[in-house]
Amino acid sequence: MTVKVQTHNEGSRTVIVLDGEINSTTSGGLQAQLLPFIKAGSEVLVDLTGVSYVSSAGLRTLLIVHRHAQQLEAEITLSGLSEEVRFVMSATGFLDFFRIGDATEGERAGR
C-alpha cells in the first residue's frame, strides 16, 4: 500500500493532498516526498481528508516534517483530520505541534 500525494498551489501556499494510510510501510517514502515542499518561509497545507490511519511511524514522519519546517521558519497547517487521526494525534500530544485548519478556510479568508 502507498500514500498517494497530490500537490497544487493556492497563491503562495502549497497544498499537499494525501490519500491512504501512513504507517511503517509508507512513512519513509512519504517523508521523502514531503520534505522538498518545505522551503524557507513557505506556507504548506497538508490535507489529510483521505488518510484513515496514522501509526506511530506516521506520527514520527509528521514530527520530522514539523521540525524541518521549524528550522526553515515555514508554516504547516494540517486539515481534514478524521476522528480517528485527530484522536491519535491528540492523545499523543501531536496536535500541539501543528496548526489545524479547514481545507477551505484559507480560500474563504483569501490566503
Protein backbone atom coordinates (compact mmCIF):
# COMPACT_ATOMS: atom_id res chain seq x y z
CA MET A 1 0.00 0.00 0.00
CA THR A 2 1.13 3.53 -0.71
CA VAL A 3 0.10 7.03 0.22
CA LYS A 4 -0.96 8.98 -2.82
CA VAL A 5 0.41 12.52 -2.85
CA GLN A 6 -1.05 15.28 -4.99
CA THR A 7 0.07 18.87 -4.84
CA HIS A 8 -1.05 22.21 -6.15
CA ASN A 9 -0.51 25.85 -5.29
CA GLU A 10 -3.07 28.30 -3.98
CA GLY A 11 -1.33 31.62 -4.31
CA SER A 12 1.85 31.36 -2.26
CA ARG A 13 0.60 28.33 -0.31
CA THR A 14 1.44 24.77 -1.34
CA VAL A 15 -1.41 22.31 -0.78
CA ILE A 16 -0.45 18.66 -0.35
CA VAL A 17 -3.35 16.20 -0.51
CA LEU A 18 -2.66 12.76 0.98
CA ASP A 19 -4.71 9.62 0.41
CA GLY A 20 -4.07 6.29 2.13
CA GLU A 21 -2.63 5.03 5.40
CA ILE A 22 0.50 6.50 6.94
CA ASN A 23 2.20 3.52 8.55
CA SER A 24 5.60 1.86 8.82
CA THR A 25 5.42 0.74 5.19
CA THR A 26 4.50 4.12 3.72
CA SER A 27 6.01 6.68 6.10
CA GLY A 28 9.59 6.66 4.75
CA GLY A 29 8.51 7.29 1.18
CA LEU A 30 6.03 9.91 2.31
CA GLN A 31 8.70 11.76 4.27
CA ALA A 32 10.92 11.83 1.18
CA GLN A 33 8.03 13.28 -0.84
CA LEU A 34 7.00 15.92 1.73
CA LEU A 35 10.34 17.43 2.76
CA PRO A 36 11.15 19.07 -0.61
CA PHE A 37 7.96 21.14 -0.34
CA ILE A 38 9.08 22.68 2.95
CA LYS A 39 11.14 25.70 1.99
CA ALA A 40 12.31 28.74 3.95
CA GLY A 41 9.31 30.84 4.90
CA SER A 42 6.88 28.66 2.96
CA GLU A 43 3.26 28.04 3.87
CA VAL A 44 2.11 24.46 3.41
CA LEU A 45 -1.33 22.94 3.92
CA VAL A 46 -1.37 19.16 4.32
CA ASP A 47 -4.87 17.84 3.60
CA LEU A 48 -5.39 14.56 5.46
CA THR A 49 -9.03 14.08 4.42
CA GLY A 50 -8.09 10.87 2.58
CA VAL A 51 -5.96 9.50 5.43
CA SER A 52 -7.82 6.93 7.52
CA TYR A 53 -4.95 5.77 9.74
CA VAL A 54 -1.68 7.10 11.15
CA SER A 55 0.67 4.74 13.01
CA SER A 56 3.50 5.71 15.34
CA ALA A 57 5.81 5.64 12.30
CA GLY A 58 3.44 8.07 10.58
CA LEU A 59 3.49 10.35 13.61
CA ARG A 60 7.29 10.26 13.52
CA THR A 61 7.20 11.32 9.86
CA LEU A 62 4.90 14.24 10.68
CA LEU A 63 7.21 15.22 13.55
CA ILE A 64 10.24 15.21 11.22
CA VAL A 65 8.34 17.39 8.75
CA HIS A 66 7.35 19.73 11.62
CA ARG A 67 10.95 20.05 12.84
CA HIS A 68 12.21 20.66 9.31
CA ALA A 69 9.61 23.42 8.92
CA GLN A 70 10.66 24.98 12.24
CA GLN A 71 14.27 25.12 11.11
CA LEU A 72 13.23 26.91 7.92
CA GLU A 73 10.64 29.14 9.61
CA ALA A 74 7.95 27.60 7.42
CA GLU A 75 4.33 27.18 8.45
CA ILE A 76 2.49 23.87 8.22
CA THR A 77 -1.26 23.53 8.65
CA LEU A 78 -2.98 20.16 8.81
CA SER A 79 -6.57 19.87 7.65
CA GLY A 80 -9.18 17.19 7.13
CA LEU A 81 -8.30 15.10 10.17
CA SER A 82 -10.67 12.16 10.59
CA GLU A 83 -11.97 11.42 14.07
CA GLU A 84 -9.50 8.55 14.44
CA VAL A 85 -6.48 10.53 13.22
CA ARG A 86 -7.46 13.50 15.40
CA PHE A 87 -7.81 11.20 18.44
CA VAL A 88 -4.39 9.61 17.90
CA MET A 89 -2.72 12.98 17.40
CA SER A 90 -4.49 14.46 20.42
CA ALA A 91 -3.70 11.52 22.71
CA THR A 92 -0.01 11.69 21.80
CA GLY A 93 0.25 15.48 22.02
CA PHE A 94 0.94 15.88 18.29
CA LEU A 95 -1.92 18.33 17.76
CA ASP A 96 0.12 20.87 19.76
CA PHE A 97 2.86 20.84 17.11
CA PHE A 98 0.68 21.85 14.19
CA ARG A 99 -1.76 24.50 13.20
CA ILE A 100 -5.05 22.73 12.50
CA GLY A 101 -7.37 24.19 9.91
CA ASP A 102 -10.07 23.55 7.40
CA ALA A 103 -9.00 22.91 3.81
CA THR A 104 -11.32 25.65 2.61
CA GLU A 105 -10.52 28.06 5.43
CA GLY A 106 -7.67 29.70 3.55
CA GLU A 107 -9.73 30.00 0.41
CA ARG A 108 -12.52 31.78 2.32
CA ALA A 109 -10.03 34.07 4.05
CA GLY A 110 -8.28 34.82 0.77
CA ARG A 111 -4.96 33.31 1.79
